[in-house]
PDB file of N, CA and C in Angstrom:
ATOM      1  N   MET A   1     157.144   3.774  18.509  1.00  0.00           N
ATOM      2  CA  MET A   1     155.750   3.543  19.734  1.00  0.00           C
ATOM      3  C   MET A   1     155.743   3.267  20.948  1.00  0.00           C
ATOM      4  N   ALA A   2     155.709   2.983  21.912  1.00  0.00           N
ATOM      5  CA  ALA A   2     155.008   3.349  23.396  1.00  0.00           C
ATOM      6  C   ALA A   2     154.504   2.411  23.650  1.00  0.00           C
ATOM      7  N   TYR A   3     155.090   1.622  24.553  1.00  0.00           N
ATOM      8  CA  TYR A   3     154.160   0.551  25.508  1.00  0.00           C
ATOM      9  C   TYR A   3     153.257   0.858  26.519  1.00  0.00           C
ATOM     10  N   LYS A   4     151.812   0.206  26.878  1.00  0.00           N
ATOM     11  CA  LYS A   4     150.841   1.245  27.733  1.00  0.00           C
ATOM     12  C   LYS A   4     150.570   0.087  28.839  1.00  0.00           C
ATOM     13  N   ILE A   5     150.303  -0.278  29.454  1.00  0.00           N
ATOM     14  CA  ILE A   5     149.372  -1.246  30.495  1.00  0.00           C
ATOM     15  C   ILE A   5     147.700  -1.366  29.863  1.00  0.00           C
ATOM     16  N   THR A   6     147.130  -1.915  29.846  1.00  0.00           N
ATOM     17  CA  THR A   6     145.512  -2.221  29.909  1.00  0.00           C
ATOM     18  C   THR A   6     145.308  -2.551  31.587  1.00  0.00           C
ATOM     19  N   ASP A   7     143.970  -2.367  31.157  1.00  0.00           N
ATOM     20  CA  ASP A   7     143.304  -2.252  32.616  1.00  0.00           C
ATOM     21  C   ASP A   7     143.034  -4.259  32.571  1.00  0.00           C
ATOM     22  N   GLU A   8     144.223  -5.194  32.293  1.00  0.00           N
ATOM     23  CA  GLU A   8     144.393  -6.580  32.240  1.00  0.00           C
ATOM     24  C   GLU A   8     144.883  -6.381  34.209  1.00  0.00           C
ATOM     25  N   CYS A   9     146.135  -5.196  34.477  1.00  0.00           N
ATOM     26  CA  CYS A   9     146.680  -5.343  34.443  1.00  0.00           C
ATOM     27  C   CYS A   9     146.991  -5.980  36.239  1.00  0.00           C
ATOM     28  N   ILE A  10     147.099  -6.155  36.917  1.00  0.00           N
ATOM     29  CA  ILE A  10     146.572  -7.068  38.639  1.00  0.00           C
ATOM     30  C   ILE A  10     147.911  -5.768  39.925  1.00  0.00           C
ATOM     31  N   ALA A  11     148.125  -5.386  38.600  1.00  0.00           N
ATOM     32  CA  ALA A  11     149.071  -4.310  39.997  1.00  0.00           C
ATOM     33  C   ALA A  11     150.284  -5.263  40.353  1.00  0.00           C
ATOM     34  N   CYS A  12     151.052  -6.083  39.896  1.00  0.00           N
ATOM     35  CA  CYS A  12     152.179  -7.122  41.337  1.00  0.00           C
ATOM     36  C   CYS A  12     153.792  -6.065  41.269  1.00  0.00           C
ATOM     37  N   GLY A  13     153.374  -5.530  39.800  1.00  0.00           N
ATOM     38  CA  GLY A  13     155.704  -4.447  39.706  1.00  0.00           C
ATOM     39  C   GLY A  13     155.909  -5.476  38.919  1.00  0.00           C
ATOM     40  N   ALA A  14     155.881  -6.996  38.734  1.00  0.00           N
ATOM     41  CA  ALA A  14     156.618  -7.095  38.117  1.00  0.00           C
ATOM     42  C   ALA A  14     157.890  -6.134  36.703  1.00  0.00           C
ATOM     43  N   CYS A  15     156.312  -4.773  36.174  1.00  0.00           N
ATOM     44  CA  CYS A  15     157.356  -4.679  34.964  1.00  0.00           C
ATOM     45  C   CYS A  15     158.690  -3.736  35.449  1.00  0.00           C
ATOM     46  N   GLN A  16     157.567  -3.153  37.270  1.00  0.00           N
ATOM     47  CA  GLN A  16     158.236  -1.399  37.083  1.00  0.00           C
ATOM     48  C   GLN A  16     159.770  -1.543  37.959  1.00  0.00           C
ATOM     49  N   SER A  17     160.138  -2.916  37.561  1.00  0.00           N
ATOM     50  CA  SER A  17     161.397  -3.414  38.506  1.00  0.00           C
ATOM     51  C   SER A  17     162.317  -3.467  37.183  1.00  0.00           C
ATOM     52  N   GLU A  18     161.130  -4.449  36.288  1.00  0.00           N
ATOM     53  CA  GLU A  18     161.896  -4.263  34.612  1.00  0.00           C
ATOM     54  C   GLU A  18     162.755  -3.420  33.868  1.00  0.00           C
ATOM     55  N   CYS A  19     161.782  -2.162  33.941  1.00  0.00           N
ATOM     56  CA  CYS A  19     162.253  -1.112  33.138  1.00  0.00           C
ATOM     57  C   CYS A  19     163.643  -0.569  33.086  1.00  0.00           C
ATOM     58  N   ALA A  20     163.926  -0.216  31.986  1.00  0.00           N
ATOM     59  CA  ALA A  20     165.388  -0.015  32.170  1.00  0.00           C
ATOM     60  C   ALA A  20     165.960   2.017  32.341  1.00  0.00           C
ATOM     61  N   VAL A  21     163.795   2.210  31.604  1.00  0.00           N
ATOM     62  CA  VAL A  21     164.568   3.554  32.221  1.00  0.00           C
ATOM     63  C   VAL A  21     163.506   4.287  33.761  1.00  0.00           C
ATOM     64  N   GLU A  22     162.610   3.224  34.290  1.00  0.00           N
ATOM     65  CA  GLU A  22     161.699   4.192  34.981  1.00  0.00           C
ATOM     66  C   GLU A  22     160.823   5.188  34.285  1.00  0.00           C
ATOM     67  N   ALA A  23     160.065   3.756  32.988  1.00  0.00           N
ATOM     68  CA  ALA A  23     159.130   4.512  32.782  1.00  0.00           C
ATOM     69  C   ALA A  23     157.569   4.562  33.491  1.00  0.00           C
ATOM     70  N   ILE A  24     158.340   3.107  34.209  1.00  0.00           N
ATOM     71  CA  ILE A  24     156.737   2.452  34.490  1.00  0.00           C
ATOM     72  C   ILE A  24     156.535   3.373  36.425  1.00  0.00           C
ATOM     73  N   SER A  25     156.088   3.722  37.043  1.00  0.00           N
ATOM     74  CA  SER A  25     155.571   3.712  37.733  1.00  0.00           C
ATOM     75  C   SER A  25     153.841   3.435  38.720  1.00  0.00           C
ATOM     76  N   GLU A  26     153.661   3.848  39.296  1.00  0.00           N
ATOM     77  CA  GLU A  26     152.465   3.279  40.227  1.00  0.00           C
ATOM     78  C   GLU A  26     150.612   4.062  39.993  1.00  0.00           C
ATOM     79  N   GLY A  27     150.686   3.427  39.067  1.00  0.00           N
ATOM     80  CA  GLY A  27     148.540   4.372  39.051  1.00  0.00           C
ATOM     81  C   GLY A  27     148.059   4.030  40.620  1.00  0.00           C
ATOM     82  N   ASP A  28     147.207   4.733  40.388  1.00  0.00           N
ATOM     83  CA  ASP A  28     145.282   4.779  41.264  1.00  0.00           C
ATOM     84  C   ASP A  28     145.655   2.762  41.747  1.00  0.00           C
ATOM     85  N   ASP A  29     145.520   2.116  40.674  1.00  0.00           N
ATOM     86  CA  ASP A  29     144.590   1.225  40.234  1.00  0.00           C
ATOM     87  C   ASP A  29     145.462  -0.357  40.009  1.00  0.00           C
ATOM     88  N   ILE A  30     146.652   0.298  38.657  1.00  0.00           N
ATOM     89  CA  ILE A  30     146.990  -0.519  37.769  1.00  0.00           C
ATOM     90  C   ILE A  30     148.365   0.562  37.443  1.00  0.00           C
ATOM     91  N   TYR A  31     149.709   0.021  36.918  1.00  0.00           N
ATOM     92  CA  TYR A  31     151.201   1.136  36.512  1.00  0.00           C
ATOM     93  C   TYR A  31     150.824   0.822  35.980  1.00  0.00           C
ATOM     94  N   VAL A  32     151.448   2.136  36.267  1.00  0.00           N
ATOM     95  CA  VAL A  32     151.677   2.928  33.482  1.00  0.00           C
ATOM     96  C   VAL A  32     152.452   3.164  33.553  1.00  0.00           C
ATOM     97  N   ILE A  33     152.225   3.180  32.103  1.00  0.00           N
ATOM     98  CA  ILE A  33     154.197   3.926  32.093  1.00  0.00           C
ATOM     99  C   ILE A  33     154.243   5.431  31.458  1.00  0.00           C
ATOM    100  N   ASP A  34     155.660   5.820  30.888  1.00  0.00           N
ATOM    101  CA  ASP A  34     155.251   7.531  30.635  1.00  0.00           C
ATOM    102  C   ASP A  34     155.642   7.306  29.352  1.00  0.00           C
ATOM    103  N   PRO A  35     154.806   7.424  28.938  1.00  0.00           N
ATOM    104  CA  PRO A  35     155.977   7.305  27.107  1.00  0.00           C
ATOM    105  C   PRO A  35     155.971   7.923  26.372  1.00  0.00           C
ATOM    106  N   ASP A  36     155.881   9.351  27.167  1.00  0.00           N
ATOM    107  CA  ASP A  36     157.817  10.047  26.559  1.00  0.00           C
ATOM    108  C   ASP A  36     159.037   9.438  27.364  1.00  0.00           C
ATOM    109  N   VAL A  37     159.112   9.050  27.806  1.00  0.00           N
ATOM    110  CA  VAL A  37     160.888   7.533  28.589  1.00  0.00           C
ATOM    111  C   VAL A  37     160.709   6.583  28.234  1.00  0.00           C
ATOM    112  N   CYS A  38     159.454   5.628  28.289  1.00  0.00           N
ATOM    113  CA  CYS A  38     159.603   4.188  27.021  1.00  0.00           C
ATOM    114  C   CYS A  38     160.463   4.536  26.496  1.00  0.00           C
ATOM    115  N   ILE A  39     161.689   3.585  26.299  1.00  0.00           N
ATOM    116  CA  ILE A  39     162.134   3.108  24.797  1.00  0.00           C
ATOM    117  C   ILE A  39     161.399   1.748  23.791  1.00  0.00           C
ATOM    118  N   ASP A  40     160.460   0.958  24.522  1.00  0.00           N
ATOM    119  CA  ASP A  40     160.281   0.302  23.204  1.00  0.00           C
ATOM    120  C   ASP A  40     160.419  -1.032  23.202  1.00  0.00           C
ATOM    121  N   CYS A  41     161.224  -0.979  25.281  1.00  0.00           N
ATOM    122  CA  CYS A  41     162.248  -2.466  24.059  1.00  0.00           C
ATOM    123  C   CYS A  41     161.159  -3.399  24.399  1.00  0.00           C
ATOM    124  N   GLY A  42     160.130  -3.180  25.383  1.00  0.00           N
ATOM    125  CA  GLY A  42     159.562  -4.628  25.076  1.00  0.00           C
ATOM    126  C   GLY A  42     159.830  -5.486  27.166  1.00  0.00           C
ATOM    127  N   SER A  43     160.348  -5.105  27.530  1.00  0.00           N
ATOM    128  CA  SER A  43     161.226  -5.720  28.616  1.00  0.00           C
ATOM    129  C   SER A  43     159.683  -6.704  29.978  1.00  0.00           C
ATOM    130  N   CYS A  44     159.156  -5.225  29.583  1.00  0.00           N
ATOM    131  CA  CYS A  44     157.232  -5.553  30.769  1.00  0.00           C
ATOM    132  C   CYS A  44     156.499  -6.483  30.175  1.00  0.00           C
ATOM    133  N   ALA A  45     156.641  -6.512  28.927  1.00  0.00           N
ATOM    134  CA  ALA A  45     156.044  -7.380  28.575  1.00  0.00           C
ATOM    135  C   ALA A  45     156.432  -8.251  28.131  1.00  0.00           C
ATOM    136  N   ASP A  46     157.453  -8.946  28.385  1.00  0.00           N
ATOM    137  CA  ASP A  46     157.994 -10.629  28.842  1.00  0.00           C
ATOM    138  C   ASP A  46     158.026 -10.772  30.773  1.00  0.00           C
ATOM    139  N   VAL A  47     157.778 -10.188  31.148  1.00  0.00           N
ATOM    140  CA  VAL A  47     157.588 -10.823  32.557  1.00  0.00           C
ATOM    141  C   VAL A  47     156.315  -9.966  32.995  1.00  0.00           C
ATOM    142  N   CYS A  48     155.498 -10.042  32.221  1.00  0.00           N
ATOM    143  CA  CYS A  48     153.724  -9.618  32.811  1.00  0.00           C
ATOM    144  C   CYS A  48     153.025 -10.831  33.187  1.00  0.00           C
ATOM    145  N   PRO A  49     152.886 -10.833  34.039  1.00  0.00           N
ATOM    146  CA  PRO A  49     152.048 -12.229  34.259  1.00  0.00           C
ATOM    147  C   PRO A  49     150.758 -11.926  33.969  1.00  0.00           C
ATOM    148  N   VAL A  50     150.042 -11.433  33.070  1.00  0.00           N
ATOM    149  CA  VAL A  50     148.741 -10.888  32.658  1.00  0.00           C
ATOM    150  C   VAL A  50     148.591 -11.091  31.363  1.00  0.00           C
ATOM    151  N   GLY A  51     149.853 -10.619  30.866  1.00  0.00           N
ATOM    152  CA  GLY A  51     150.308 -10.040  28.921  1.00  0.00           C
ATOM    153  C   GLY A  51     149.636  -7.930  29.364  1.00  0.00           C
ATOM    154  N   ALA A  52     149.375  -8.427  30.670  1.00  0.00           N
ATOM    155  CA  ALA A  52     148.433  -6.196  30.688  1.00  0.00           C
ATOM    156  C   ALA A  52     149.739  -5.414  29.915  1.00  0.00           C
ATOM    157  N   ALA A  53     150.965  -5.317  29.775  1.00  0.00           N
ATOM    158  CA  ALA A  53     151.593  -4.191  29.284  1.00  0.00           C
ATOM    159  C   ALA A  53     151.773  -4.845  27.068  1.00  0.00           C
ATOM    160  N   GLN A  54     151.612  -3.838  26.680  1.00  0.00           N
ATOM    161  CA  GLN A  54     151.254  -3.371  25.094  1.00  0.00           C
ATOM    162  C   GLN A  54     151.517  -2.916  23.898  1.00  0.00           C
ATOM    163  N   PRO A  55     152.345  -2.894  23.299  1.00  0.00           N
ATOM    164  CA  PRO A  55     152.464  -1.963  22.743  1.00  0.00           C
ATOM    165  C   PRO A  55     151.148  -1.027  21.961  1.00  0.00           C
ATOM    166  N   GLU A  56     150.942   0.042  22.460  1.00  0.00           N
ATOM    167  CA  GLU A  56     150.257   1.265  21.650  1.00  0.00           C
ATOM    168  C   GLU A  56     150.327   0.845  19.680  1.00  0.00           C
ATOM    169  N   GLU A  57     148.906   0.873  19.752  1.00  0.00           N
ATOM    170  CA  GLU A  57     148.412   1.438  18.230  1.00  0.00           C
ATOM    171  C   GLU A  57     148.641   2.389  18.583  1.00  0.00           C
TER     172      GLU A  57
END
């Protein structure tokens, strides 16, 4: 199960530099995670200051 970035994202970019597989990219307003590349490690969630990176349900 991949992670996703919610609308709570403040586009700070902290998660992008933390992603080991480069699954995170800058979207129009918020960052987005490619679910086909995400390895579900949770590193993005650990560094997100607003808790916007969440496991998909």
